[in-house]
Full PDB file with SEQRES, HELIX, SHEET, SSBOND, CRYST1, ORIGX, SCALE, CONECT and MASTER records, all heavy atoms in Angstrom:
SEQRES   1 A   39  PRO HIS PRO GLY LEU ILE ILE THR LEU VAL GLY PHE TYR          
SEQRES   2 A   39  GLY LEU LEU TYR LEU THR HIS LYS THR SER ASN SER SER          
SEQRES   3 A   39  ALA GLY LEU LEU SER VAL PHE ALA LEU THR GLY PHE MET          
HELIX    1 AA1 LEU A    5  LYS A   21  1                                  17    
HELIX    2 AA2 ALA A   27  PHE A   38  1                                  12    
CRYST1    1.000    1.000    1.000  90.00  90.00  90.00 P 1           1          
ORIGX1      1.000000  0.000000  0.000000        0.00000                         
ORIGX2      0.000000  1.000000  0.000000        0.00000                         
ORIGX3      0.000000  0.000000  1.000000        0.00000                         
SCALE1      1.000000  0.000000  0.000000        0.00000                         
SCALE2      0.000000  1.000000  0.000000        0.00000                         
SCALE3      0.000000  0.000000  1.000000        0.00000                         
ATOM      1  N   PRO A   1      27.548   4.527   5.726  1.00  0.00           N  
ATOM      2  CA  PRO A   1      28.333   4.268   4.516  1.00  0.00           C  
ATOM      3  C   PRO A   1      27.504   3.520   3.471  1.00  0.00           C  
ATOM      4  O   PRO A   1      26.526   2.843   3.812  1.00  0.00           O  
ATOM      5  CB  PRO A   1      29.479   3.391   5.037  1.00  0.00           C  
ATOM      6  CG  PRO A   1      28.875   2.658   6.198  1.00  0.00           C  
ATOM      7  CD  PRO A   1      27.950   3.653   6.852  1.00  0.00           C  
ATOM      8  N   HIS A   2      27.907   3.651   2.236  1.00  0.00           N  
ATOM      9  CA  HIS A   2      27.233   2.903   1.179  1.00  0.00           C  
ATOM     10  C   HIS A   2      27.554   1.418   1.339  1.00  0.00           C  
ATOM     11  O   HIS A   2      28.700   1.052   1.615  1.00  0.00           O  
ATOM     12  CB  HIS A   2      27.695   3.390  -0.195  1.00  0.00           C  
ATOM     13  CG  HIS A   2      26.814   2.926  -1.313  1.00  0.00           C  
ATOM     14  ND1 HIS A   2      26.964   1.695  -1.908  1.00  0.00           N  
ATOM     15  CD2 HIS A   2      25.762   3.519  -1.936  1.00  0.00           C  
ATOM     16  CE1 HIS A   2      26.054   1.550  -2.856  1.00  0.00           C  
ATOM     17  NE2 HIS A   2      25.305   2.639  -2.883  1.00  0.00           N  
ATOM     18  N   PRO A   3      26.561   0.545   1.180  1.00  0.00           N  
ATOM     19  CA  PRO A   3      26.796  -0.891   1.412  1.00  0.00           C  
ATOM     20  C   PRO A   3      27.702  -1.553   0.379  1.00  0.00           C  
ATOM     21  O   PRO A   3      28.163  -2.678   0.592  1.00  0.00           O  
ATOM     22  CB  PRO A   3      25.389  -1.482   1.364  1.00  0.00           C  
ATOM     23  CG  PRO A   3      24.599  -0.534   0.518  1.00  0.00           C  
ATOM     24  CD  PRO A   3      25.158   0.824   0.852  1.00  0.00           C  
ATOM     25  N   GLY A   4      27.954  -0.885  -0.739  1.00  0.00           N  
ATOM     26  CA  GLY A   4      28.799  -1.482  -1.769  1.00  0.00           C  
ATOM     27  C   GLY A   4      27.975  -2.184  -2.832  1.00  0.00           C  
ATOM     28  O   GLY A   4      26.791  -2.469  -2.645  1.00  0.00           O  
ATOM     29  N   LEU A   5      28.615  -2.460  -3.946  1.00  0.00           N  
ATOM     30  CA  LEU A   5      27.911  -3.010  -5.105  1.00  0.00           C  
ATOM     31  C   LEU A   5      27.292  -4.373  -4.827  1.00  0.00           C  
ATOM     32  O   LEU A   5      26.120  -4.604  -5.148  1.00  0.00           O  
ATOM     33  CB  LEU A   5      28.875  -3.111  -6.293  1.00  0.00           C  
ATOM     34  CG  LEU A   5      28.293  -3.706  -7.584  1.00  0.00           C  
ATOM     35  CD1 LEU A   5      27.155  -2.846  -8.105  1.00  0.00           C  
ATOM     36  CD2 LEU A   5      29.385  -3.855  -8.636  1.00  0.00           C  
ATOM     37  N   ILE A   6      28.045  -5.280  -4.222  1.00  0.00           N  
ATOM     38  CA  ILE A   6      27.561  -6.648  -4.014  1.00  0.00           C  
ATOM     39  C   ILE A   6      26.346  -6.669  -3.097  1.00  0.00           C  
ATOM     40  O   ILE A   6      25.309  -7.272  -3.418  1.00  0.00           O  
ATOM     41  CB  ILE A   6      28.673  -7.545  -3.434  1.00  0.00           C  
ATOM     42  CG1 ILE A   6      29.882  -7.587  -4.362  1.00  0.00           C  
ATOM     43  CG2 ILE A   6      28.133  -8.962  -3.192  1.00  0.00           C  
ATOM     44  CD1 ILE A   6      29.564  -8.132  -5.737  1.00  0.00           C  
ATOM     45  N   ILE A   7      26.459  -6.011  -1.934  1.00  0.00           N  
ATOM     46  CA  ILE A   7      25.339  -5.991  -0.980  1.00  0.00           C  
ATOM     47  C   ILE A   7      24.138  -5.286  -1.592  1.00  0.00           C  
ATOM     48  O   ILE A   7      22.987  -5.695  -1.390  1.00  0.00           O  
ATOM     49  CB  ILE A   7      25.760  -5.306   0.335  1.00  0.00           C  
ATOM     50  CG1 ILE A   7      26.838  -6.146   1.037  1.00  0.00           C  
ATOM     51  CG2 ILE A   7      24.554  -5.111   1.253  1.00  0.00           C  
ATOM     52  CD1 ILE A   7      27.349  -5.527   2.322  1.00  0.00           C  
ATOM     53  N   THR A   8      24.392  -4.221  -2.351  1.00  0.00           N  
ATOM     54  CA  THR A   8      23.291  -3.492  -2.989  1.00  0.00           C  
ATOM     55  C   THR A   8      22.540  -4.386  -3.962  1.00  0.00           C  
ATOM     56  O   THR A   8      21.299  -4.440  -3.957  1.00  0.00           O  
ATOM     57  CB  THR A   8      23.826  -2.255  -3.733  1.00  0.00           C  
ATOM     58  OG1 THR A   8      24.426  -1.364  -2.794  1.00  0.00           O  
ATOM     59  CG2 THR A   8      22.689  -1.531  -4.446  1.00  0.00           C  
ATOM     60  N   LEU A   9      23.273  -5.108  -4.803  1.00  0.00           N  
ATOM     61  CA  LEU A   9      22.629  -5.983  -5.787  1.00  0.00           C  
ATOM     62  C   LEU A   9      21.892  -7.146  -5.122  1.00  0.00           C  
ATOM     63  O   LEU A   9      20.762  -7.468  -5.486  1.00  0.00           O  
ATOM     64  CB  LEU A   9      23.674  -6.515  -6.767  1.00  0.00           C  
ATOM     65  CG  LEU A   9      24.274  -5.492  -7.741  1.00  0.00           C  
ATOM     66  CD1 LEU A   9      25.346  -6.142  -8.606  1.00  0.00           C  
ATOM     67  CD2 LEU A   9      23.193  -4.866  -8.621  1.00  0.00           C  
ATOM     68  N   VAL A  10      22.550  -7.768  -4.132  1.00  0.00           N  
ATOM     69  CA  VAL A  10      21.920  -8.891  -3.428  1.00  0.00           C  
ATOM     70  C   VAL A  10      20.671  -8.430  -2.677  1.00  0.00           C  
ATOM     71  O   VAL A  10      19.615  -9.076  -2.721  1.00  0.00           O  
ATOM     72  CB  VAL A  10      22.917  -9.551  -2.454  1.00  0.00           C  
ATOM     73  CG1 VAL A  10      22.202 -10.586  -1.579  1.00  0.00           C  
ATOM     74  CG2 VAL A  10      24.057 -10.222  -3.226  1.00  0.00           C  
ATOM     75  N   GLY A  11      20.791  -7.292  -1.986  1.00  0.00           N  
ATOM     76  CA  GLY A  11      19.649  -6.759  -1.246  1.00  0.00           C  
ATOM     77  C   GLY A  11      18.509  -6.377  -2.155  1.00  0.00           C  
ATOM     78  O   GLY A  11      17.343  -6.696  -1.884  1.00  0.00           O  
ATOM     79  N   PHE A  12      18.831  -5.691  -3.265  1.00  0.00           N  
ATOM     80  CA  PHE A  12      17.787  -5.253  -4.189  1.00  0.00           C  
ATOM     81  C   PHE A  12      17.064  -6.435  -4.814  1.00  0.00           C  
ATOM     82  O   PHE A  12      15.835  -6.524  -4.765  1.00  0.00           O  
ATOM     83  CB  PHE A  12      18.383  -4.363  -5.279  1.00  0.00           C  
ATOM     84  CG  PHE A  12      17.423  -4.058  -6.400  1.00  0.00           C  
ATOM     85  CD1 PHE A  12      16.362  -3.187  -6.198  1.00  0.00           C  
ATOM     86  CD2 PHE A  12      17.567  -4.660  -7.639  1.00  0.00           C  
ATOM     87  CE1 PHE A  12      15.454  -2.917  -7.221  1.00  0.00           C  
ATOM     88  CE2 PHE A  12      16.669  -4.394  -8.662  1.00  0.00           C  
ATOM     89  CZ  PHE A  12      15.621  -3.522  -8.450  1.00  0.00           C  
ATOM     90  N   TYR A  13      17.819  -7.358  -5.417  1.00  0.00           N  
ATOM     91  CA  TYR A  13      17.174  -8.473  -6.116  1.00  0.00           C  
ATOM     92  C   TYR A  13      16.531  -9.463  -5.153  1.00  0.00           C  
ATOM     93  O   TYR A  13      15.507 -10.079  -5.484  1.00  0.00           O  
ATOM     94  CB  TYR A  13      18.179  -9.179  -7.034  1.00  0.00           C  
ATOM     95  CG  TYR A  13      18.457  -8.398  -8.289  1.00  0.00           C  
ATOM     96  CD1 TYR A  13      19.667  -7.735  -8.474  1.00  0.00           C  
ATOM     97  CD2 TYR A  13      17.488  -8.292  -9.288  1.00  0.00           C  
ATOM     98  CE1 TYR A  13      19.908  -6.986  -9.626  1.00  0.00           C  
ATOM     99  CE2 TYR A  13      17.722  -7.553 -10.438  1.00  0.00           C  
ATOM    100  CZ  TYR A  13      18.930  -6.904 -10.597  1.00  0.00           C  
ATOM    101  OH  TYR A  13      19.155  -6.164 -11.733  1.00  0.00           O  
ATOM    102  N   GLY A  14      17.098  -9.590  -3.964  1.00  0.00           N  
ATOM    103  CA  GLY A  14      16.472 -10.450  -2.965  1.00  0.00           C  
ATOM    104  C   GLY A  14      15.126  -9.911  -2.520  1.00  0.00           C  
ATOM    105  O   GLY A  14      14.129 -10.641  -2.465  1.00  0.00           O  
ATOM    106  N   LEU A  15      15.077  -8.617  -2.218  1.00  0.00           N  
ATOM    107  CA  LEU A  15      13.817  -7.994  -1.798  1.00  0.00           C  
ATOM    108  C   LEU A  15      12.840  -7.888  -2.960  1.00  0.00           C  
ATOM    109  O   LEU A  15      11.620  -7.972  -2.767  1.00  0.00           O  
ATOM    110  CB  LEU A  15      14.097  -6.610  -1.203  1.00  0.00           C  
ATOM    111  CG  LEU A  15      14.810  -6.619   0.156  1.00  0.00           C  
ATOM    112  CD1 LEU A  15      15.255  -5.216   0.540  1.00  0.00           C  
ATOM    113  CD2 LEU A  15      13.892  -7.198   1.229  1.00  0.00           C  
ATOM    114  N   LEU A  16      13.359  -7.697  -4.175  1.00  0.00           N  
ATOM    115  CA  LEU A  16      12.492  -7.672  -5.347  1.00  0.00           C  
ATOM    116  C   LEU A  16      11.831  -9.032  -5.554  1.00  0.00           C  
ATOM    117  O   LEU A  16      10.628  -9.114  -5.842  1.00  0.00           O  
ATOM    118  CB  LEU A  16      13.303  -7.290  -6.589  1.00  0.00           C  
ATOM    119  CG  LEU A  16      12.517  -7.129  -7.895  1.00  0.00           C  
ATOM    120  CD1 LEU A  16      11.517  -5.972  -7.790  1.00  0.00           C  
ATOM    121  CD2 LEU A  16      13.477  -6.883  -9.061  1.00  0.00           C  
ATOM    122  N   TYR A  17      12.607 -10.094  -5.390  1.00  0.00           N  
ATOM    123  CA  TYR A  17      12.058 -11.451  -5.504  1.00  0.00           C  
ATOM    124  C   TYR A  17      10.996 -11.690  -4.423  1.00  0.00           C  
ATOM    125  O   TYR A  17       9.921 -12.243  -4.705  1.00  0.00           O  
ATOM    126  CB  TYR A  17      13.182 -12.472  -5.371  1.00  0.00           C  
ATOM    127  CG  TYR A  17      12.714 -13.901  -5.335  1.00  0.00           C  
ATOM    128  CD1 TYR A  17      12.343 -14.569  -6.510  1.00  0.00           C  
ATOM    129  CD2 TYR A  17      12.637 -14.596  -4.122  1.00  0.00           C  
ATOM    130  CE1 TYR A  17      11.911 -15.889  -6.470  1.00  0.00           C  
ATOM    131  CE2 TYR A  17      12.196 -15.911  -4.074  1.00  0.00           C  
ATOM    132  CZ  TYR A  17      11.837 -16.555  -5.255  1.00  0.00           C  
ATOM    133  OH  TYR A  17      11.395 -17.862  -5.215  1.00  0.00           O  
ATOM    134  N   LEU A  18      11.293 -11.269  -3.201  1.00  0.00           N  
ATOM    135  CA  LEU A  18      10.343 -11.432  -2.099  1.00  0.00           C  
ATOM    136  C   LEU A  18       9.049 -10.677  -2.383  1.00  0.00           C  
ATOM    137  O   LEU A  18       7.951 -11.184  -2.117  1.00  0.00           O  
ATOM    138  CB  LEU A  18      10.970 -10.925  -0.802  1.00  0.00           C  
ATOM    139  CG  LEU A  18      10.092 -11.002   0.451  1.00  0.00           C  
ATOM    140  CD1 LEU A  18       9.764 -12.445   0.780  1.00  0.00           C  
ATOM    141  CD2 LEU A  18      10.796 -10.326   1.632  1.00  0.00           C  
ATOM    142  N   THR A  19       9.172  -9.475  -2.948  1.00  0.00           N  
ATOM    143  CA  THR A  19       7.982  -8.678  -3.264  1.00  0.00           C  
ATOM    144  C   THR A  19       7.123  -9.375  -4.305  1.00  0.00           C  
ATOM    145  O   THR A  19       5.894  -9.406  -4.189  1.00  0.00           O  
ATOM    146  CB  THR A  19       8.394  -7.285  -3.773  1.00  0.00           C  
ATOM    147  OG1 THR A  19       9.181  -6.622  -2.783  1.00  0.00           O  
ATOM    148  CG2 THR A  19       7.167  -6.444  -4.071  1.00  0.00           C  
ATOM    149  N   HIS A  20       7.751  -9.938  -5.326  1.00  0.00           N  
ATOM    150  CA  HIS A  20       6.996 -10.661  -6.354  1.00  0.00           C  
ATOM    151  C   HIS A  20       6.317 -11.903  -5.775  1.00  0.00           C  
ATOM    152  O   HIS A  20       5.183 -12.211  -6.142  1.00  0.00           O  
ATOM    153  CB  HIS A  20       7.923 -11.051  -7.507  1.00  0.00           C  
ATOM    154  CG  HIS A  20       8.132  -9.952  -8.500  1.00  0.00           C  
ATOM    155  ND1 HIS A  20       7.395  -9.844  -9.662  1.00  0.00           N  
ATOM    156  CD2 HIS A  20       8.978  -8.896  -8.506  1.00  0.00           C  
ATOM    157  CE1 HIS A  20       7.782  -8.783 -10.345  1.00  0.00           C  
ATOM    158  NE2 HIS A  20       8.745  -8.182  -9.665  1.00  0.00           N  
ATOM    159  N   LYS A  21       7.007 -12.599  -4.875  1.00  0.00           N  
ATOM    160  CA  LYS A  21       6.434 -13.820  -4.294  1.00  0.00           C  
ATOM    161  C   LYS A  21       5.257 -13.525  -3.373  1.00  0.00           C  
ATOM    162  O   LYS A  21       4.353 -14.355  -3.226  1.00  0.00           O  
ATOM    163  CB  LYS A  21       7.518 -14.568  -3.513  1.00  0.00           C  
ATOM    164  CG  LYS A  21       8.608 -15.174  -4.375  1.00  0.00           C  
ATOM    165  CD  LYS A  21       8.088 -16.294  -5.269  1.00  0.00           C  
ATOM    166  CE  LYS A  21       7.725 -17.511  -4.459  1.00  0.00           C  
ATOM    167  NZ  LYS A  21       7.320 -18.647  -5.321  1.00  0.00           N  
ATOM    168  N   THR A  22       5.257 -12.368  -2.747  1.00  0.00           N  
ATOM    169  CA  THR A  22       4.206 -12.031  -1.779  1.00  0.00           C  
ATOM    170  C   THR A  22       3.218 -10.997  -2.306  1.00  0.00           C  
ATOM    171  O   THR A  22       2.398 -10.479  -1.549  1.00  0.00           O  
ATOM    172  CB  THR A  22       4.847 -11.498  -0.480  1.00  0.00           C  
ATOM    173  OG1 THR A  22       5.623 -10.320  -0.779  1.00  0.00           O  
ATOM    174  CG2 THR A  22       5.748 -12.539   0.157  1.00  0.00           C  
ATOM    175  N   SER A  23       3.291 -10.688  -3.597  1.00  0.00           N  
ATOM    176  CA  SER A  23       2.502  -9.590  -4.160  1.00  0.00           C  
ATOM    177  C   SER A  23       0.989  -9.815  -4.102  1.00  0.00           C  
ATOM    178  O   SER A  23       0.226  -8.851  -4.214  1.00  0.00           O  
ATOM    179  CB  SER A  23       2.911  -9.335  -5.615  1.00  0.00           C  
ATOM    180  OG  SER A  23       2.684 -10.488  -6.414  1.00  0.00           O  
ATOM    181  N   ASN A  24       0.569 -11.048  -3.934  1.00  0.00           N  
ATOM    182  CA  ASN A  24      -0.873 -11.337  -3.889  1.00  0.00           C  
ATOM    183  C   ASN A  24      -1.393 -11.506  -2.470  1.00  0.00           C  
ATOM    184  O   ASN A  24      -2.497 -12.011  -2.267  1.00  0.00           O  
ATOM    185  CB  ASN A  24      -1.182 -12.599  -4.707  1.00  0.00           C  
ATOM    186  CG  ASN A  24      -0.964 -12.380  -6.196  1.00  0.00           C  
ATOM    187  OD1 ASN A  24      -1.407 -11.391  -6.766  1.00  0.00           O  
ATOM    188  ND2 ASN A  24      -0.261 -13.316  -6.838  1.00  0.00           N  
ATOM    189  N   SER A  25      -0.596 -11.088  -1.500  1.00  0.00           N  
ATOM    190  CA  SER A  25      -1.013 -11.179  -0.104  1.00  0.00           C  
ATOM    191  C   SER A  25      -0.682  -9.885   0.619  1.00  0.00           C  
ATOM    192  O   SER A  25       0.001  -9.009   0.079  1.00  0.00           O  
ATOM    193  CB  SER A  25      -0.301 -12.352   0.590  1.00  0.00           C  
ATOM    194  OG  SER A  25       1.091 -12.106   0.665  1.00  0.00           O  
ATOM    195  N   SER A  26      -1.152  -9.765   1.840  1.00  0.00           N  
ATOM    196  CA  SER A  26      -0.888  -8.556   2.621  1.00  0.00           C  
ATOM    197  C   SER A  26       0.597  -8.411   2.931  1.00  0.00           C  
ATOM    198  O   SER A  26       1.082  -7.299   3.149  1.00  0.00           O  
ATOM    199  CB  SER A  26      -1.688  -8.588   3.928  1.00  0.00           C  
ATOM    200  OG  SER A  26      -1.373  -9.758   4.682  1.00  0.00           O  
ATOM    201  N   ALA A  27       1.327  -9.524   2.933  1.00  0.00           N  
ATOM    202  CA  ALA A  27       2.769  -9.465   3.178  1.00  0.00           C  
ATOM    203  C   ALA A  27       3.486  -8.715   2.068  1.00  0.00           C  
ATOM    204  O   ALA A  27       4.594  -8.225   2.256  1.00  0.00           O  
ATOM    205  CB  ALA A  27       3.341 -10.879   3.305  1.00  0.00           C  
ATOM    206  N   GLY A  28       2.842  -8.607   0.909  1.00  0.00           N  
ATOM    207  CA  GLY A  28       3.436  -7.883  -0.200  1.00  0.00           C  
ATOM    208  C   GLY A  28       3.659  -6.417   0.123  1.00  0.00           C  
ATOM    209  O   GLY A  28       4.623  -5.808  -0.359  1.00  0.00           O  
ATOM    210  N   LEU A  29       2.776  -5.846   0.945  1.00  0.00           N  
ATOM    211  CA  LEU A  29       2.939  -4.447   1.338  1.00  0.00           C  
ATOM    212  C   LEU A  29       4.187  -4.263   2.193  1.00  0.00           C  
ATOM    213  O   LEU A  29       4.938  -3.297   2.025  1.00  0.00           O  
ATOM    214  CB  LEU A  29       1.702  -3.968   2.103  1.00  0.00           C  
ATOM    215  CG  LEU A  29       0.415  -3.823   1.269  1.00  0.00           C  
ATOM    216  CD1 LEU A  29      -0.770  -3.508   2.175  1.00  0.00           C  
ATOM    217  CD2 LEU A  29       0.592  -2.730   0.221  1.00  0.00           C  
ATOM    218  N   LEU A  30       4.424  -5.208   3.109  1.00  0.00           N  
ATOM    219  CA  LEU A  30       5.636  -5.136   3.922  1.00  0.00           C  
ATOM    220  C   LEU A  30       6.879  -5.300   3.047  1.00  0.00           C  
ATOM    221  O   LEU A  30       7.889  -4.616   3.250  1.00  0.00           O  
ATOM    222  CB  LEU A  30       5.604  -6.225   4.997  1.00  0.00           C  
ATOM    223  CG  LEU A  30       4.496  -6.115   6.051  1.00  0.00           C  
ATOM    224  CD1 LEU A  30       4.553  -7.303   7.002  1.00  0.00           C  
ATOM    225  CD2 LEU A  30       4.629  -4.805   6.818  1.00  0.00           C  
ATOM    226  N   SER A  31       6.782  -6.181   2.072  1.00  0.00           N  
ATOM    227  CA  SER A  31       7.925  -6.428   1.181  1.00  0.00           C  
ATOM    228  C   SER A  31       8.260  -5.202   0.353  1.00  0.00           C  
ATOM    229  O   SER A  31       9.436  -4.860   0.178  1.00  0.00           O  
ATOM    230  CB  SER A  31       7.618  -7.611   0.255  1.00  0.00           C  
ATOM    231  OG  SER A  31       7.403  -8.798   0.987  1.00  0.00           O  
ATOM    232  N   VAL A  32       7.234  -4.525  -0.168  1.00  0.00           N  
ATOM    233  CA  VAL A  32       7.493  -3.363  -1.018  1.00  0.00           C  
ATOM    234  C   VAL A  32       8.080  -2.209  -0.206  1.00  0.00           C  
ATOM    235  O   VAL A  32       8.946  -1.476  -0.700  1.00  0.00           O  
ATOM    236  CB  VAL A  32       6.216  -2.935  -1.779  1.00  0.00           C  
ATOM    237  CG1 VAL A  32       5.230  -2.222  -0.875  1.00  0.00           C  
ATOM    238  CG2 VAL A  32       6.571  -2.034  -2.959  1.00  0.00           C  
ATOM    239  N   PHE A  33       7.662  -2.077   1.041  1.00  0.00           N  
ATOM    240  CA  PHE A  33       8.237  -1.028   1.888  1.00  0.00           C  
ATOM    241  C   PHE A  33       9.672  -1.389   2.290  1.00  0.00           C  
ATOM    242  O   PHE A  33      10.524  -0.508   2.420  1.00  0.00           O  
ATOM    243  CB  PHE A  33       7.377  -0.787   3.125  1.00  0.00           C  
ATOM    244  CG  PHE A  33       6.239   0.159   2.878  1.00  0.00           C  
ATOM    245  CD1 PHE A  33       4.954  -0.300   2.677  1.00  0.00           C  
ATOM    246  CD2 PHE A  33       6.463   1.532   2.825  1.00  0.00           C  
ATOM    247  CE1 PHE A  33       3.908   0.569   2.433  1.00  0.00           C  
ATOM    248  CE2 PHE A  33       5.423   2.417   2.587  1.00  0.00           C  
ATOM    249  CZ  PHE A  33       4.137   1.938   2.387  1.00  0.00           C  
ATOM    250  N   ALA A  34       9.938  -2.685   2.479  1.00  0.00           N  
ATOM    251  CA  ALA A  34      11.304  -3.115   2.772  1.00  0.00           C  
ATOM    252  C   ALA A  34      12.215  -2.824   1.584  1.00  0.00           C  
ATOM    253  O   ALA A  34      13.342  -2.329   1.752  1.00  0.00           O  
ATOM    254  CB  ALA A  34      11.325  -4.609   3.104  1.00  0.00           C  
ATOM    255  N   LEU A  35      11.713  -3.108   0.385  1.00  0.00           N  
ATOM    256  CA  LEU A  35      12.499  -2.859  -0.825  1.00  0.00           C  
ATOM    257  C   LEU A  35      12.775  -1.379  -1.027  1.00  0.00           C  
ATOM    258  O   LEU A  35      13.924  -0.968  -1.243  1.00  0.00           O  
ATOM    259  CB  LEU A  35      11.758  -3.424  -2.047  1.00  0.00           C  
ATOM    260  CG  LEU A  35      12.346  -3.092  -3.430  1.00  0.00           C  
ATOM    261  CD1 LEU A  35      13.747  -3.672  -3.571  1.00  0.00           C  
ATOM    262  CD2 LEU A  35      11.427  -3.601  -4.531  1.00  0.00           C  
ATOM    263  N   THR A  36      11.738  -0.576  -0.952  1.00  0.00           N  
ATOM    264  CA  THR A  36      11.906   0.861  -1.198  1.00  0.00           C  
ATOM    265  C   THR A  36      12.689   1.531  -0.071  1.00  0.00           C  
ATOM    266  O   THR A  36      13.428   2.492  -0.305  1.00  0.00           O  
ATOM    267  CB  THR A  36      10.538   1.549  -1.372  1.00  0.00           C  
ATOM    268  OG1 THR A  36       9.699   1.282  -0.231  1.00  0.00           O  
ATOM    269  CG2 THR A  36       9.838   1.021  -2.617  1.00  0.00           C  
ATOM    270  N   GLY A  37      12.553   1.020   1.146  1.00  0.00           N  
ATOM    271  CA  GLY A  37      13.353   1.544   2.250  1.00  0.00           C  
ATOM    272  C   GLY A  37      14.826   1.241   2.049  1.00  0.00           C  
ATOM    273  O   GLY A  37      15.688   2.097   2.296  1.00  0.00           O  
ATOM    274  N   PHE A  38      15.121   0.038   1.595  1.00  0.00           N  
ATOM    275  CA  PHE A  38      16.512  -0.336   1.324  1.00  0.00           C  
ATOM    276  C   PHE A  38      17.100   0.538   0.223  1.00  0.00           C  
ATOM    277  O   PHE A  38      18.251   0.980   0.314  1.00  0.00           O  
ATOM    278  CB  PHE A  38      16.582  -1.811   0.923  1.00  0.00           C  
ATOM    279  CG  PHE A  38      17.964  -2.270   0.535  1.00  0.00           C  
ATOM    280  CD1 PHE A  38      18.927  -2.511   1.501  1.00  0.00           C  
ATOM    281  CD2 PHE A  38      18.300  -2.443  -0.801  1.00  0.00           C  
ATOM    282  CE1 PHE A  38      20.211  -2.931   1.150  1.00  0.00           C  
ATOM    283  CE2 PHE A  38      19.571  -2.859  -1.163  1.00  0.00           C  
ATOM    284  CZ  PHE A  38      20.531  -3.110  -0.189  1.00  0.00           C  
ATOM    285  N   MET A  39      16.313   0.812  -0.808  1.00  0.00           N  
ATOM    286  CA  MET A  39      16.786   1.662  -1.891  1.00  0.00           C  
ATOM    287  C   MET A  39      17.002   3.092  -1.408  1.00  0.00           C  
ATOM    288  O   MET A  39      17.913   3.783  -1.859  1.00  0.00           O  
ATOM    289  CB  MET A  39      15.799   1.618  -3.059  1.00  0.00           C  
ATOM    290  CG  MET A  39      15.702   0.242  -3.705  1.00  0.00           C  
ATOM    291  SD  MET A  39      14.481   0.133  -5.025  1.00  0.00           S  
ATOM    292  CE  MET A  39      15.309   1.050  -6.323  1.00  0.00           C  
TER     293      MET A  39                                                      
MASTER        0    0    0    2    0    0    0    6  292    1    0    3          
END                                                                             
């Protein structure tokens, strides 16, 4: 099922924030795949 608007927004912006915070390290690759996988 679709997670709904609230979970979608929280998940997207939370993972987007995590990706920005880790973008200068190898963890950034895991973050970007987590974000795009969630989308």
